[in-house]
Amino acid sequence: MRRLIGLLTFLFLVSCSEYIDKPKNLLDKDKMSEIMADLAINDQVTNTYLNKNLESGTRYILKSHNVKADDFVESYKYYVATGKMNKIVDNAQEILLEKDPKAKGFVESKSKTNTNLPKLIR
């Protein structure tokens, strides 16, 4: 009986701990959203101009936001592990739409469901 109570207590204590510790230099959500928006633009530029270096653009973006690469990576891991990355990505999408209002129509046209699909028959 003691072993069972000890095991249950141990499981309770372990289940209450976080998956990952909070980094020392955690970037706030707004700054992460801005960086993610700039990284998305950088990614599209490298898709447009093939054989270009993505790394130099990433370094420039981090330098322009005064962020070290290690701090960004640790913050990224923390937000993914805690499940807060979806909100950051949504904010980054809003930032992108503010920077380019014409992109809103493109995003809406791509996100519409295709109604011309055949019916599923079983």
Protein backbone atom coordinates (compact mmCIF):
# COMPACT_ATOMS: atom_id res chain seq x y z
CA MET A 1 0.00 0.00 0.00
CA ARG A 2 2.87 2.36 0.81
CA ARG A 3 4.42 1.69 -2.57
CA LEU A 4 1.16 2.49 -4.32
CA ILE A 5 0.78 5.78 -2.45
CA GLY A 6 4.43 6.64 -3.12
CA LEU A 7 4.01 5.87 -6.81
CA LEU A 8 0.86 7.97 -7.09
CA THR A 9 2.54 10.87 -5.27
CA PHE A 10 5.55 10.65 -7.58
CA LEU A 11 3.35 10.62 -10.69
CA PHE A 12 1.37 13.59 -9.40
CA LEU A 13 4.52 15.64 -8.79
CA VAL A 14 6.02 14.75 -12.16
CA SER A 15 2.82 15.55 -14.06
CA CYS A 16 2.69 19.06 -12.59
CA SER A 17 6.09 20.13 -13.89
CA GLU A 18 6.54 21.99 -17.18
CA TYR A 19 7.97 20.32 -20.25
CA ILE A 20 10.68 22.91 -20.68
CA ASP A 21 12.15 25.57 -18.42
CA LYS A 22 11.60 29.22 -19.22
CA PRO A 23 14.73 30.64 -20.92
CA LYS A 24 16.63 33.50 -19.31
CA ASN A 25 16.31 35.77 -22.33
CA LEU A 26 12.79 34.84 -23.40
CA LEU A 27 11.52 37.06 -26.20
CA ASP A 28 8.05 38.46 -25.69
CA LYS A 29 5.24 37.30 -27.97
CA ASP A 30 5.02 40.55 -29.93
CA LYS A 31 8.71 40.53 -30.79
CA MET A 32 8.50 36.85 -31.79
CA SER A 33 5.54 37.68 -34.05
CA GLU A 34 7.48 40.47 -35.75
CA ILE A 35 10.49 38.22 -36.29
CA MET A 36 8.32 35.39 -37.61
CA ALA A 37 6.66 37.78 -40.08
CA ASP A 38 10.04 38.98 -41.34
CA LEU A 39 11.28 35.39 -41.61
CA ALA A 40 8.20 34.50 -43.68
CA ILE A 41 8.98 37.35 -46.08
CA ASN A 42 12.60 36.21 -46.24
CA ASP A 43 11.46 32.68 -47.02
CA GLN A 44 9.29 33.90 -49.90
CA VAL A 45 12.16 35.95 -51.31
CA THR A 46 14.41 32.91 -51.36
CA ASN A 47 11.66 30.90 -53.09
CA THR A 48 11.39 33.60 -55.73
CA TYR A 49 15.12 33.95 -56.29
CA LEU A 50 16.45 30.41 -56.34
CA ASN A 51 20.00 29.59 -55.24
CA LYS A 52 20.11 32.53 -52.83
CA ASN A 53 21.40 32.24 -49.29
CA LEU A 54 18.65 32.03 -46.66
CA GLU A 55 21.12 32.19 -43.80
CA SER A 56 22.36 35.71 -44.52
CA GLY A 57 18.78 37.00 -44.62
CA THR A 58 18.02 35.31 -41.31
CA ARG A 59 21.10 36.84 -39.71
CA TYR A 60 20.09 40.28 -41.00
CA ILE A 61 16.56 39.92 -39.58
CA LEU A 62 17.82 38.86 -36.16
CA LYS A 63 20.39 41.66 -36.15
CA SER A 64 17.78 44.26 -37.12
CA HIS A 65 15.64 43.18 -34.15
CA ASN A 66 18.69 43.12 -31.82
CA VAL A 67 18.17 39.44 -31.02
CA LYS A 68 20.81 36.76 -30.65
CA ALA A 69 20.25 33.55 -32.58
CA ASP A 70 20.48 31.43 -29.43
CA ASP A 71 17.84 33.55 -27.69
CA PHE A 72 15.51 33.19 -30.67
CA VAL A 73 15.98 29.42 -30.84
CA GLU A 74 15.41 28.97 -27.10
CA SER A 75 12.32 31.19 -27.18
CA TYR A 76 11.01 29.30 -30.22
CA LYS A 77 11.45 25.95 -28.46
CA TYR A 78 9.75 27.28 -25.33
CA TYR A 79 6.71 28.63 -27.17
CA VAL A 80 6.33 25.44 -29.20
CA ALA A 81 6.59 23.24 -26.10
CA THR A 82 4.07 25.33 -24.16
CA GLY A 83 1.59 25.47 -27.06
CA LYS A 84 1.69 29.25 -27.47
CA MET A 85 3.20 29.26 -30.96
CA ASN A 86 -0.17 29.21 -32.77
CA LYS A 87 -1.09 32.60 -31.32
CA ILE A 88 2.31 34.00 -32.27
CA VAL A 89 1.95 32.74 -35.84
CA ASP A 90 -1.55 34.23 -36.08
CA ASN A 91 -0.16 37.59 -34.94
CA ALA A 92 2.64 37.28 -37.50
CA GLN A 93 0.04 36.69 -40.21
CA GLU A 94 -1.78 39.86 -39.16
CA ILE A 95 1.51 41.78 -39.33
CA LEU A 96 2.10 40.46 -42.85
CA LEU A 97 -1.39 41.51 -43.94
CA GLU A 98 -0.79 45.00 -42.52
CA LYS A 99 2.46 45.28 -44.47
CA ASP A 100 0.84 44.14 -47.72
CA PRO A 101 -2.93 44.69 -47.86
CA LYS A 102 -3.12 43.08 -51.33
CA ALA A 103 -2.07 39.80 -49.79
CA LYS A 104 -5.36 39.57 -47.89
CA GLY A 105 -7.32 38.70 -51.05
CA PHE A 106 -4.73 36.10 -52.01
CA VAL A 107 -4.85 34.47 -48.57
CA GLU A 108 -8.64 34.43 -48.57
CA SER A 109 -8.78 32.88 -52.05
CA LYS A 110 -6.35 30.14 -51.06
CA SER A 111 -8.11 29.40 -47.78
CA LYS A 112 -11.57 28.92 -49.34
CA THR A 113 -12.69 25.34 -49.57
CA ASN A 114 -13.01 23.91 -53.04
CA THR A 115 -16.70 23.25 -53.62
CA ASN A 116 -16.14 21.52 -56.96
CA LEU A 117 -15.04 18.29 -55.35
CA PRO A 118 -17.04 15.15 -56.15
CA LYS A 119 -19.31 13.75 -53.47
CA LEU A 120 -17.98 10.94 -51.36
CA ILE A 121 -20.00 7.80 -52.01
CA ARG A 122 -19.72 4.78 -49.78
